[in-house]
Amino acid sequence: SSDLQLVCINPKVLSQGEMVKDKEGCLSFPGLFLNVERPQWIEVEFTDEFGKVNNTRLEGLSARCFLHELDHLDGIRYTSYIKPLALKMARQRASKLVKKIVRGHKNGKARN
């Protein structure tokens, strides 16, 4: 299901598939979308909120989200996976996008 929610205590990646690049964003960086390379699938282990140890395989977007959040726990920003020049250009695009959205809201063009 696409609305999968997991409580993951002490998560760890046990194995992973081949690497693929895909767009990724983060609420900490509004409007900043980067091509980040991550495994297509991962096998993970974690303890749930009931103290049960779980092993599961996550694929595609679920694997990408899990790894993105695991990076947060490890103090890693997704921006660290990008070369400096590519990051600078992406930040300029994000800045323009955010300004355009703000202008739209000021002019009464907010979308729901």
PDB file of N, CA and C in Angstrom:
ATOM      1  N   SER A   1       0.837  -1.193   0.000  1.00  0.00           N
ATOM      2  CA  SER A   1       0.000   0.000   0.000  1.00  0.00           C
ATOM      3  C   SER A   1       0.880   1.254   0.000  1.00  0.00           C
ATOM      4  N   SER A   2       0.440   2.297  -0.669  1.00  0.00           N
ATOM      5  CA  SER A   2       1.242   3.517  -0.766  1.00  0.00           C
ATOM      6  C   SER A   2       1.193   4.348   0.515  1.00  0.00           C
ATOM      7  N   ASP A   3       0.308   4.010   1.449  1.00  0.00           N
ATOM      8  CA  ASP A   3       0.224   4.777   2.686  1.00  0.00           C
ATOM      9  C   ASP A   3       0.857   4.016   3.856  1.00  0.00           C
ATOM     10  N   LEU A   4       1.850   3.214   3.558  1.00  0.00           N
ATOM     11  CA  LEU A   4       2.570   2.442   4.558  1.00  0.00           C
ATOM     12  C   LEU A   4       3.222   3.359   5.581  1.00  0.00           C
ATOM     13  N   GLN A   5       2.981   3.069   6.853  1.00  0.00           N
ATOM     14  CA  GLN A   5       3.606   3.819   7.942  1.00  0.00           C
ATOM     15  C   GLN A   5       4.322   2.834   8.844  1.00  0.00           C
ATOM     16  N   LEU A   6       5.568   3.144   9.150  1.00  0.00           N
ATOM     17  CA  LEU A   6       6.368   2.264   9.991  1.00  0.00           C
ATOM     18  C   LEU A   6       6.935   3.040  11.165  1.00  0.00           C
ATOM     19  N   VAL A   7       6.931   2.424  12.329  1.00  0.00           N
ATOM     20  CA  VAL A   7       7.685   2.921  13.471  1.00  0.00           C
ATOM     21  C   VAL A   7       8.945   2.070  13.490  1.00  0.00           C
ATOM     22  N   CYS A   8      10.085   2.710  13.319  1.00  0.00           N
ATOM     23  CA  CYS A   8      11.345   1.978  13.173  1.00  0.00           C
ATOM     24  C   CYS A   8      12.336   2.429  14.231  1.00  0.00           C
ATOM     25  N   ILE A   9      12.578   1.562  15.207  1.00  0.00           N
ATOM     26  CA  ILE A   9      13.555   1.834  16.252  1.00  0.00           C
ATOM     27  C   ILE A   9      14.828   1.080  15.892  1.00  0.00           C
ATOM     28  N   ASN A  10      15.966   1.766  15.954  1.00  0.00           N
ATOM     29  CA  ASN A  10      17.259   1.185  15.583  1.00  0.00           C
ATOM     30  C   ASN A  10      17.235   0.531  14.201  1.00  0.00           C
ATOM     31  N   PRO A  11      16.798   1.283  13.178  1.00  0.00           N
ATOM     32  CA  PRO A  11      16.732   0.700  11.837  1.00  0.00           C
ATOM     33  C   PRO A  11      18.122   0.458  11.257  1.00  0.00           C
ATOM     34  N   LYS A  12      18.236  -0.606  10.475  1.00  0.00           N
ATOM     35  CA  LYS A  12      19.484  -0.852   9.758  1.00  0.00           C
ATOM     36  C   LYS A  12      19.192  -1.532   8.433  1.00  0.00           C
ATOM     37  N   VAL A  13      20.022  -1.228   7.460  1.00  0.00           N
ATOM     38  CA  VAL A  13      19.918  -1.822   6.132  1.00  0.00           C
ATOM     39  C   VAL A  13      20.768  -3.091   6.129  1.00  0.00           C
ATOM     40  N   LEU A  14      20.161  -4.208   5.737  1.00  0.00           N
ATOM     41  CA  LEU A  14      20.856  -5.487   5.701  1.00  0.00           C
ATOM     42  C   LEU A  14      21.442  -5.784   4.322  1.00  0.00           C
ATOM     43  N   SER A  15      20.718  -5.422   3.272  1.00  0.00           N
ATOM     44  CA  SER A  15      21.200  -5.616   1.900  1.00  0.00           C
ATOM     45  C   SER A  15      20.465  -4.651   0.989  1.00  0.00           C
ATOM     46  N   GLN A  16      20.970  -4.511  -0.219  1.00  0.00           N
ATOM     47  CA  GLN A  16      20.377  -3.547  -1.142  1.00  0.00           C
ATOM     48  C   GLN A  16      20.570  -3.979  -2.588  1.00  0.00           C
ATOM     49  N   GLY A  17      19.726  -3.398  -3.456  1.00  0.00           N
ATOM     50  CA  GLY A  17      19.782  -3.681  -4.884  1.00  0.00           C
ATOM     51  C   GLY A  17      20.632  -2.672  -5.616  1.00  0.00           C
ATOM     52  N   GLU A  18      20.494  -2.675  -6.934  1.00  0.00           N
ATOM     53  CA  GLU A  18      21.300  -1.778  -7.756  1.00  0.00           C
ATOM     54  C   GLU A  18      20.874  -0.330  -7.554  1.00  0.00           C
ATOM     55  N   MET A  19      21.816   0.558  -7.776  1.00  0.00           N
ATOM     56  CA  MET A  19      21.588   1.986  -7.557  1.00  0.00           C
ATOM     57  C   MET A  19      20.846   2.605  -8.744  1.00  0.00           C
ATOM     58  N   VAL A  20      19.923   3.505  -8.425  1.00  0.00           N
ATOM     59  CA  VAL A  20      19.188   4.257  -9.449  1.00  0.00           C
ATOM     60  C   VAL A  20      19.077   5.712  -8.995  1.00  0.00           C
ATOM     61  N   LYS A  21      19.087   6.612  -9.978  1.00  0.00           N
ATOM     62  CA  LYS A  21      18.904   8.036  -9.675  1.00  0.00           C
ATOM     63  C   LYS A  21      17.441   8.396  -9.850  1.00  0.00           C
ATOM     64  N   ASP A  22      16.947   9.237  -8.942  1.00  0.00           N
ATOM     65  CA  ASP A  22      15.573   9.722  -9.053  1.00  0.00           C
ATOM     66  C   ASP A  22      15.471  11.041  -8.296  1.00  0.00           C
ATOM     67  N   LYS A  23      14.438  11.801  -8.620  1.00  0.00           N
ATOM     68  CA  LYS A  23      14.204  13.085  -7.960  1.00  0.00           C
ATOM     69  C   LYS A  23      13.843  12.867  -6.508  1.00  0.00           C
ATOM     70  N   GLU A  24      14.366  13.754  -5.669  1.00  0.00           N
ATOM     71  CA  GLU A  24      14.090  13.677  -4.245  1.00  0.00           C
ATOM     72  C   GLU A  24      13.972  15.099  -3.708  1.00  0.00           C
ATOM     73  N   GLY A  25      13.061  15.293  -2.784  1.00  0.00           N
ATOM     74  CA  GLY A  25      12.901  16.581  -2.124  1.00  0.00           C
ATOM     75  C   GLY A  25      12.901  16.370  -0.621  1.00  0.00           C
ATOM     76  N   CYS A  26      12.831  17.485   0.112  1.00  0.00           N
ATOM     77  CA  CYS A  26      12.853  17.405   1.571  1.00  0.00           C
ATOM     78  C   CYS A  26      12.130  18.632   2.119  1.00  0.00           C
ATOM     79  N   LEU A  27      11.322  18.434   3.139  1.00  0.00           N
ATOM     80  CA  LEU A  27      10.607  19.552   3.744  1.00  0.00           C
ATOM     81  C   LEU A  27      11.556  20.589   4.332  1.00  0.00           C
ATOM     82  N   SER A  28      12.778  20.187   4.655  1.00  0.00           N
ATOM     83  CA  SER A  28      13.776  21.127   5.181  1.00  0.00           C
ATOM     84  C   SER A  28      14.319  22.063   4.114  1.00  0.00           C
ATOM     85  N   PHE A  29      14.095  21.711   2.831  1.00  0.00           N
ATOM     86  CA  PHE A  29      14.592  22.510   1.706  1.00  0.00           C
ATOM     87  C   PHE A  29      13.451  22.720   0.709  1.00  0.00           C
ATOM     88  N   PRO A  30      12.512  23.625   1.017  1.00  0.00           N
ATOM     89  CA  PRO A  30      11.336  23.814   0.153  1.00  0.00           C
ATOM     90  C   PRO A  30      11.723  24.116  -1.296  1.00  0.00           C
ATOM     91  N   GLY A  31      11.095  23.386  -2.211  1.00  0.00           N
ATOM     92  CA  GLY A  31      11.298  23.619  -3.636  1.00  0.00           C
ATOM     93  C   GLY A  31      12.587  23.056  -4.206  1.00  0.00           C
ATOM     94  N   LEU A  32      13.427  22.440  -3.386  1.00  0.00           N
ATOM     95  CA  LEU A  32      14.717  21.922  -3.850  1.00  0.00           C
ATOM     96  C   LEU A  32      14.589  20.435  -4.166  1.00  0.00           C
ATOM     97  N   PHE A  33      14.632  20.126  -5.464  1.00  0.00           N
ATOM     98  CA  PHE A  33      14.516  18.746  -5.922  1.00  0.00           C
ATOM     99  C   PHE A  33      15.823  18.337  -6.582  1.00  0.00           C
ATOM    100  N   LEU A  34      16.380  17.224  -6.132  1.00  0.00           N
ATOM    101  CA  LEU A  34      17.694  16.783  -6.578  1.00  0.00           C
ATOM    102  C   LEU A  34      17.634  15.343  -7.077  1.00  0.00           C
ATOM    103  N   ASN A  35      18.474  15.028  -8.061  1.00  0.00           N
ATOM    104  CA  ASN A  35      18.618  13.649  -8.519  1.00  0.00           C
ATOM    105  C   ASN A  35      19.600  12.944  -7.595  1.00  0.00           C
ATOM    106  N   VAL A  36      19.060  12.081  -6.752  1.00  0.00           N
ATOM    107  CA  VAL A  36      19.862  11.378  -5.752  1.00  0.00           C
ATOM    108  C   VAL A  36      19.913   9.897  -6.119  1.00  0.00           C
ATOM    109  N   GLU A  37      21.107   9.331  -6.028  1.00  0.00           N
ATOM    110  CA  GLU A  37      21.286   7.913  -6.316  1.00  0.00           C
ATOM    111  C   GLU A  37      21.095   7.096  -5.034  1.00  0.00           C
ATOM    112  N   ARG A  38      20.164   6.155  -5.104  1.00  0.00           N
ATOM    113  CA  ARG A  38      19.879   5.273  -3.970  1.00  0.00           C
ATOM    114  C   ARG A  38      19.553   3.889  -4.524  1.00  0.00           C
ATOM    115  N   PRO A  39      19.615   2.859  -3.665  1.00  0.00           N
ATOM    116  CA  PRO A  39      19.272   1.504  -4.126  1.00  0.00           C
ATOM    117  C   PRO A  39      17.803   1.395  -4.517  1.00  0.00           C
ATOM    118  N   GLN A  40      17.541   0.577  -5.530  1.00  0.00           N
ATOM    119  CA  GLN A  40      16.171   0.367  -6.001  1.00  0.00           C
ATOM    120  C   GLN A  40      15.352  -0.383  -4.952  1.00  0.00           C
ATOM    121  N   TRP A  41      15.997  -1.252  -4.191  1.00  0.00           N
ATOM    122  CA  TRP A  41      15.327  -1.977  -3.107  1.00  0.00           C
ATOM    123  C   TRP A  41      16.310  -2.159  -1.956  1.00  0.00           C
ATOM    124  N   ILE A  42      15.758  -2.362  -0.753  1.00  0.00           N
ATOM    125  CA  ILE A  42      16.575  -2.618   0.427  1.00  0.00           C
ATOM    126  C   ILE A  42      15.887  -3.656   1.308  1.00  0.00           C
ATOM    127  N   GLU A  43      16.678  -4.448   1.981  1.00  0.00           N
ATOM    128  CA  GLU A  43      16.197  -5.334   3.042  1.00  0.00           C
ATOM    129  C   GLU A  43      16.587  -4.646   4.346  1.00  0.00           C
ATOM    130  N   VAL A  44      15.620  -4.450   5.235  1.00  0.00           N
ATOM    131  CA  VAL A  44      15.877  -3.703   6.467  1.00  0.00           C
ATOM    132  C   VAL A  44      15.441  -4.495   7.700  1.00  0.00           C
ATOM    133  N   GLU A  45      16.041  -4.119   8.811  1.00  0.00           N
ATOM    134  CA  GLU A  45      15.652  -4.668  10.111  1.00  0.00           C
ATOM    135  C   GLU A  45      15.413  -3.497  11.042  1.00  0.00           C
ATOM    136  N   PHE A  46      14.372  -3.599  11.855  1.00  0.00           N
ATOM    137  CA  PHE A  46      14.062  -2.562  12.829  1.00  0.00           C
ATOM    138  C   PHE A  46      13.178  -3.153  13.914  1.00  0.00           C
ATOM    139  N   THR A  47      13.150  -2.494  15.040  1.00  0.00           N
ATOM    140  CA  THR A  47      12.254  -2.865  16.125  1.00  0.00           C
ATOM    141  C   THR A  47      11.037  -1.945  16.051  1.00  0.00           C
ATOM    142  N   ASP A  48       9.835  -2.521  16.162  1.00  0.00           N
ATOM    143  CA  ASP A  48       8.622  -1.696  16.090  1.00  0.00           C
ATOM    144  C   ASP A  48       8.243  -1.175  17.483  1.00  0.00           C
ATOM    145  N   GLU A  49       7.126  -0.456  17.545  1.00  0.00           N
ATOM    146  CA  GLU A  49       6.703   0.167  18.803  1.00  0.00           C
ATOM    147  C   GLU A  49       6.281  -0.842  19.871  1.00  0.00           C
ATOM    148  N   PHE A  50       6.130  -2.116  19.475  1.00  0.00           N
ATOM    149  CA  PHE A  50       5.751  -3.165  20.423  1.00  0.00           C
ATOM    150  C   PHE A  50       6.962  -3.982  20.880  1.00  0.00           C
ATOM    151  N   GLY A  51       8.162  -3.587  20.411  1.00  0.00           N
ATOM    152  CA  GLY A  51       9.380  -4.282  20.793  1.00  0.00           C
ATOM    153  C   GLY A  51       9.705  -5.494  19.935  1.00  0.00           C
ATOM    154  N   LYS A  52       8.948  -5.701  18.868  1.00  0.00           N
ATOM    155  CA  LYS A  52       9.161  -6.839  17.968  1.00  0.00           C
ATOM    156  C   LYS A  52      10.187  -6.462  16.907  1.00  0.00           C
ATOM    157  N   VAL A  53      11.160  -7.334  16.674  1.00  0.00           N
ATOM    158  CA  VAL A  53      12.145  -7.124  15.609  1.00  0.00           C
ATOM    159  C   VAL A  53      11.514  -7.562  14.291  1.00  0.00           C
ATOM    160  N   ASN A  54      11.589  -6.680  13.296  1.00  0.00           N
ATOM    161  CA  ASN A  54      11.002  -6.928  11.979  1.00  0.00           C
ATOM    162  C   ASN A  54      12.083  -6.914  10.915  1.00  0.00           C
ATOM    163  N   ASN A  55      11.917  -7.772   9.926  1.00  0.00           N
ATOM    164  CA  ASN A  55      12.736  -7.750   8.713  1.00  0.00           C
ATOM    165  C   ASN A  55      11.780  -7.597   7.552  1.00  0.00           C
ATOM    166  N   THR A  56      12.068  -6.668   6.648  1.00  0.00           N
ATOM    167  CA  THR A  56      11.186  -6.476   5.501  1.00  0.00           C
ATOM    168  C   THR A  56      11.987  -5.962   4.314  1.00  0.00           C
ATOM    169  N   ARG A  57      11.395  -6.112   3.157  1.00  0.00           N
ATOM    170  CA  ARG A  57      11.987  -5.596   1.920  1.00  0.00           C
ATOM    171  C   ARG A  57      11.157  -4.397   1.477  1.00  0.00           C
ATOM    172  N   LEU A  58      11.838  -3.305   1.180  1.00  0.00           N
ATOM    173  CA  LEU A  58      11.186  -2.097   0.670  1.00  0.00           C
ATOM    174  C   LEU A  58      11.717  -1.836  -0.735  1.00  0.00           C
ATOM    175  N   GLU A  59      10.818  -1.400  -1.622  1.00  0.00           N
ATOM    176  CA  GLU A  59      11.208  -1.154  -3.007  1.00  0.00           C
ATOM    177  C   GLU A  59      10.770   0.235  -3.444  1.00  0.00           C
ATOM    178  N   GLY A  60      11.461   0.752  -4.460  1.00  0.00           N
ATOM    179  CA  GLY A  60      11.072   2.005  -5.088  1.00  0.00           C
ATOM    180  C   GLY A  60      11.014   3.168  -4.118  1.00  0.00           C
ATOM    181  N   LEU A  61       9.876   3.876  -4.143  1.00  0.00           N
ATOM    182  CA  LEU A  61       9.712   5.072  -3.322  1.00  0.00           C
ATOM    183  C   LEU A  61       9.783   4.759  -1.827  1.00  0.00           C
ATOM    184  N   SER A  62       9.259   3.606  -1.412  1.00  0.00           N
ATOM    185  CA  SER A  62       9.319   3.236   0.005  1.00  0.00           C
ATOM    186  C   SER A  62      10.765   3.081   0.464  1.00  0.00           C
ATOM    187  N   ALA A  63      11.602   2.454  -0.374  1.00  0.00           N
ATOM    188  CA  ALA A  63      13.024   2.303  -0.043  1.00  0.00           C
ATOM    189  C   ALA A  63      13.706   3.665  -0.002  1.00  0.00           C
ATOM    190  N   ARG A  64      13.402   4.513  -0.973  1.00  0.00           N
ATOM    191  CA  ARG A  64      13.996   5.848  -1.046  1.00  0.00           C
ATOM    192  C   ARG A  64      13.625   6.675   0.191  1.00  0.00           C
ATOM    193  N   CYS A  65      12.370   6.654   0.585  1.00  0.00           N
ATOM    194  CA  CYS A  65      11.921   7.409   1.761  1.00  0.00           C
ATOM    195  C   CYS A  65      12.571   6.880   3.038  1.00  0.00           C
ATOM    196  N   PHE A  66      12.635   5.555   3.169  1.00  0.00           N
ATOM    197  CA  PHE A  66      13.262   4.948   4.343  1.00  0.00           C
ATOM    198  C   PHE A  66      14.709   5.421   4.460  1.00  0.00           C
ATOM    199  N   LEU A  67      15.446   5.357   3.357  1.00  0.00           N
ATOM    200  CA  LEU A  67      16.857   5.757   3.382  1.00  0.00           C
ATOM    201  C   LEU A  67      17.022   7.254   3.623  1.00  0.00           C
ATOM    202  N   HIS A  68      16.130   8.062   3.067  1.00  0.00           N
ATOM    203  CA  HIS A  68      16.167   9.512   3.285  1.00  0.00           C
ATOM    204  C   HIS A  68      15.994   9.804   4.781  1.00  0.00           C
ATOM    205  N   GLU A  69      15.017   9.149   5.398  1.00  0.00           N
ATOM    206  CA  GLU A  69      14.770   9.373   6.828  1.00  0.00           C
ATOM    207  C   GLU A  69      15.886   8.780   7.692  1.00  0.00           C
ATOM    208  N   LEU A  70      16.441   7.650   7.280  1.00  0.00           N
ATOM    209  CA  LEU A  70      17.575   7.072   7.996  1.00  0.00           C
ATOM    210  C   LEU A  70      18.770   8.029   7.945  1.00  0.00           C
ATOM    211  N   ASP A  71      18.955   8.677   6.788  1.00  0.00           N
ATOM    212  CA  ASP A  71      20.002   9.701   6.685  1.00  0.00           C
ATOM    213  C   ASP A  71      19.783  10.811   7.703  1.00  0.00           C
ATOM    214  N   HIS A  72      18.524  11.256   7.871  1.00  0.00           N
ATOM    215  CA  HIS A  72      18.236  12.290   8.876  1.00  0.00           C
ATOM    216  C   HIS A  72      18.702  11.834  10.257  1.00  0.00           C
ATOM    217  N   LEU A  73      18.403  10.581  10.603  1.00  0.00           N
ATOM    218  CA  LEU A  73      18.817  10.052  11.906  1.00  0.00           C
ATOM    219  C   LEU A  73      20.340  10.048  12.056  1.00  0.00           C
ATOM    220  N   ASP A  74      21.035   9.843  10.937  1.00  0.00           N
ATOM    221  CA  ASP A  74      22.497   9.802  10.943  1.00  0.00           C
ATOM    222  C   ASP A  74      23.136  11.171  10.708  1.00  0.00           C
ATOM    223  N   GLY A  75      22.306  12.232  10.631  1.00  0.00           N
ATOM    224  CA  GLY A  75      22.829  13.584  10.443  1.00  0.00           C
ATOM    225  C   GLY A  75      23.307  13.876   9.030  1.00  0.00           C
ATOM    226  N   ILE A  76      22.788  13.137   8.049  1.00  0.00           N
ATOM    227  CA  ILE A  76      23.188  13.324   6.651  1.00  0.00           C
ATOM    228  C   ILE A  76      22.065  14.025   5.901  1.00  0.00           C
ATOM    229  N   ARG A  77      22.410  15.077   5.179  1.00  0.00           N
ATOM    230  CA  ARG A  77      21.428  15.779   4.335  1.00  0.00           C
ATOM    231  C   ARG A  77      21.497  15.219   2.922  1.00  0.00           C
ATOM    232  N   TYR A  78      20.356  15.156   2.251  1.00  0.00           N
ATOM    233  CA  TYR A  78      20.345  14.638   0.891  1.00  0.00           C
ATOM    234  C   TYR A  78      21.143  15.522  -0.063  1.00  0.00           C
ATOM    235  N   THR A  79      21.380  16.759   0.329  1.00  0.00           N
ATOM    236  CA  THR A  79      22.189  17.660  -0.494  1.00  0.00           C
ATOM    237  C   THR A  79      23.652  17.213  -0.551  1.00  0.00           C
ATOM    238  N   SER A  80      24.086  16.391   0.396  1.00  0.00           N
ATOM    239  CA  SER A  80      25.482  15.945   0.412  1.00  0.00           C
ATOM    240  C   SER A  80      25.778  14.934  -0.697  1.00  0.00           C
ATOM    241  N   TYR A  81      24.751  14.405  -1.347  1.00  0.00           N
ATOM    242  CA  TYR A  81      24.945  13.435  -2.427  1.00  0.00           C
ATOM    243  C   TYR A  81      25.149  14.101  -3.788  1.00  0.00           C
ATOM    244  N   ILE A  82      25.069  15.424  -3.815  1.00  0.00           N
ATOM    245  CA  ILE A  82      25.107  16.164  -5.078  1.00  0.00           C
ATOM    246  C   ILE A  82      26.416  16.943  -5.186  1.00  0.00           C
ATOM    247  N   LYS A  83      26.949  17.010  -6.407  1.00  0.00           N
ATOM    248  CA  LYS A  83      28.165  17.800  -6.640  1.00  0.00           C
ATOM    249  C   LYS A  83      27.847  19.278  -6.413  1.00  0.00           C
ATOM    250  N   PRO A  84      28.837  20.048  -5.938  1.00  0.00           N
ATOM    251  CA  PRO A  84      28.601  21.457  -5.575  1.00  0.00           C
ATOM    252  C   PRO A  84      27.954  22.305  -6.679  1.00  0.00           C
ATOM    253  N   LEU A  85      28.399  22.183  -7.914  1.00  0.00           N
ATOM    254  CA  LEU A  85      27.836  23.003  -8.988  1.00  0.00           C
ATOM    255  C   LEU A  85      26.376  22.631  -9.257  1.00  0.00           C
ATOM    256  N   ALA A  86      26.087  21.334  -9.286  1.00  0.00           N
ATOM    257  CA  ALA A  86      24.705  20.879  -9.499  1.00  0.00           C
ATOM    258  C   ALA A  86      23.812  21.358  -8.357  1.00  0.00           C
ATOM    259  N   LEU A  87      24.326  21.347  -7.139  1.00  0.00           N
ATOM    260  CA  LEU A  87      23.558  21.816  -5.987  1.00  0.00           C
ATOM    261  C   LEU A  87      23.292  23.312  -6.086  1.00  0.00           C
ATOM    262  N   LYS A  88      24.300  24.073  -6.496  1.00  0.00           N
ATOM    263  CA  LYS A  88      24.132  25.525  -6.656  1.00  0.00           C
ATOM    264  C   LYS A  88      23.044  25.834  -7.685  1.00  0.00           C
ATOM    265  N   MET A  89      23.073  25.132  -8.818  1.00  0.00           N
ATOM    266  CA  MET A  89      22.068  25.365  -9.861  1.00  0.00           C
ATOM    267  C   MET A  89      20.670  24.965  -9.376  1.00  0.00           C
ATOM    268  N   ALA A  90      20.579  23.854  -8.662  1.00  0.00           N
ATOM    269  CA  ALA A  90      19.281  23.403  -8.140  1.00  0.00           C
ATOM    270  C   ALA A  90      18.738  24.396  -7.118  1.00  0.00           C
ATOM    271  N   ARG A  91      19.625  24.954  -6.292  1.00  0.00           N
ATOM    272  CA  ARG A  91      19.180  25.953  -5.307  1.00  0.00           C
ATOM    273  C   ARG A  91      18.666  27.214  -6.000  1.00  0.00           C
ATOM    274  N   GLN A  92      19.303  27.610  -7.112  1.00  0.00           N
ATOM    275  CA  GLN A  92      18.821  28.783  -7.861  1.00  0.00           C
ATOM    276  C   GLN A  92      17.430  28.510  -8.433  1.00  0.00           C
ATOM    277  N   ARG A  93      17.224  27.299  -8.988  1.00  0.00           N
ATOM    278  CA  ARG A  93      15.898  26.930  -9.515  1.00  0.00           C
ATOM    279  C   ARG A  93      14.860  26.920  -8.393  1.00  0.00           C
ATOM    280  N   ALA A  94      15.237  26.392  -7.235  1.00  0.00           N
ATOM    281  CA  ALA A  94      14.307  26.330  -6.097  1.00  0.00           C
ATOM    282  C   ALA A  94      13.932  27.730  -5.636  1.00  0.00           C
ATOM    283  N   SER A  95      14.907  28.620  -5.589  1.00  0.00           N
ATOM    284  CA  SER A  95      14.654  29.993  -5.168  1.00  0.00           C
ATOM    285  C   SER A  95      13.655  30.673  -6.104  1.00  0.00           C
ATOM    286  N   LYS A  96      13.832  30.465  -7.410  1.00  0.00           N
ATOM    287  CA  LYS A  96      12.908  31.046  -8.391  1.00  0.00           C
ATOM    288  C   LYS A  96      11.510  30.462  -8.217  1.00  0.00           C
ATOM    289  N   LEU A  97      11.423  29.150  -7.975  1.00  0.00           N
ATOM    290  CA  LEU A  97      10.137  28.491  -7.795  1.00  0.00           C
ATOM    291  C   LEU A  97       9.417  29.022  -6.564  1.00  0.00           C
ATOM    292  N   VAL A  98      10.125  29.139  -5.455  1.00  0.00           N
ATOM    293  CA  VAL A  98       9.528  29.635  -4.217  1.00  0.00           C
ATOM    294  C   VAL A  98       9.047  31.078  -4.396  1.00  0.00           C
ATOM    295  N   LYS A  99       9.865  31.916  -5.046  1.00  0.00           N
ATOM    296  CA  LYS A  99       9.458  33.312  -5.298  1.00  0.00           C
ATOM    297  C   LYS A  99       8.204  33.366  -6.161  1.00  0.00           C
ATOM    298  N   LYS A 100       8.118  32.502  -7.173  1.00  0.00           N
ATOM    299  CA  LYS A 100       6.950  32.468  -8.049  1.00  0.00           C
ATOM    300  C   LYS A 100       5.699  32.076  -7.258  1.00  0.00           C
ATOM    301  N   ILE A 101       5.837  31.105  -6.380  1.00  0.00           N
ATOM    302  CA  ILE A 101       4.707  30.658  -5.557  1.00  0.00           C
ATOM    303  C   ILE A 101       4.266  31.774  -4.611  1.00  0.00           C
ATOM    304  N   VAL A 102       5.226  32.435  -3.980  1.00  0.00           N
ATOM    305  CA  VAL A 102       4.911  33.530  -3.050  1.00  0.00           C
ATOM    306  C   VAL A 102       4.211  34.662  -3.793  1.00  0.00           C
ATOM    307  N   ARG A 103       4.701  35.009  -4.992  1.00  0.00           N
ATOM    308  CA  ARG A 103       4.056  36.056  -5.795  1.00  0.00           C
ATOM    309  C   ARG A 103       2.622  35.664  -6.123  1.00  0.00           C
ATOM    310  N   GLY A 104       2.414  34.382  -6.463  1.00  0.00           N
ATOM    311  CA  GLY A 104       1.070  33.901  -6.778  1.00  0.00           C
ATOM    312  C   GLY A 104       0.128  34.032  -5.597  1.00  0.00           C
ATOM    313  N   HIS A 105       0.626  33.742  -4.411  1.00  0.00           N
ATOM    314  CA  HIS A 105      -0.203  33.869  -3.206  1.00  0.00           C
ATOM    315  C   HIS A 105      -0.537  35.328  -2.922  1.00  0.00           C
ATOM    316  N   LYS A 106       0.421  36.211  -3.121  1.00  0.00           N
ATOM    317  CA  LYS A 106       0.192  37.635  -2.898  1.00  0.00           C
ATOM    318  C   LYS A 106      -0.816  38.209  -3.875  1.00  0.00           C
ATOM    319  N   ASN A 107      -0.851  37.628  -5.091  1.00  0.00           N
ATOM    320  CA  ASN A 107      -1.765  38.125  -6.108  1.00  0.00           C
ATOM    321  C   ASN A 107      -3.104  37.388  -6.108  1.00  0.00           C
ATOM    322  N   GLY A 108      -3.338  36.596  -5.056  1.00  0.00           N
ATOM    323  CA  GLY A 108      -4.615  35.902  -4.943  1.00  0.00           C
ATOM    324  C   GLY A 108      -4.749  34.682  -5.834  1.00  0.00           C
ATOM    325  N   LYS A 109      -3.618  34.139  -6.272  1.00  0.00           N
ATOM    326  CA  LYS A 109      -3.667  32.979  -7.178  1.00  0.00           C
ATOM    327  C   LYS A 109      -3.302  31.688  -6.450  1.00  0.00           C
ATOM    328  N   ALA A 110      -3.571  31.643  -5.168  1.00  0.00           N
ATOM    329  CA  ALA A 110      -3.234  30.446  -4.378  1.00  0.00           C
ATOM    330  C   ALA A 110      -4.056  29.264  -4.870  1.00  0.00           C
ATOM    331  N   ARG A 111      -3.413  28.105  -4.936  1.00  0.00           N
ATOM    332  CA  ARG A 111      -4.112  26.883  -5.356  1.00  0.00           C
ATOM    333  C   ARG A 111      -4.287  25.977  -4.159  1.00  0.00           C
ATOM    334  N   ASN A 112      -5.378  25.256  -4.155  1.00  0.00           N
ATOM    335  CA  ASN A 112      -5.629  24.296  -3.074  1.00  0.00           C
ATOM    336  C   ASN A 112      -5.222  22.917  -3.483  1.00  0.00           C
TER     337      ASN A 112
END
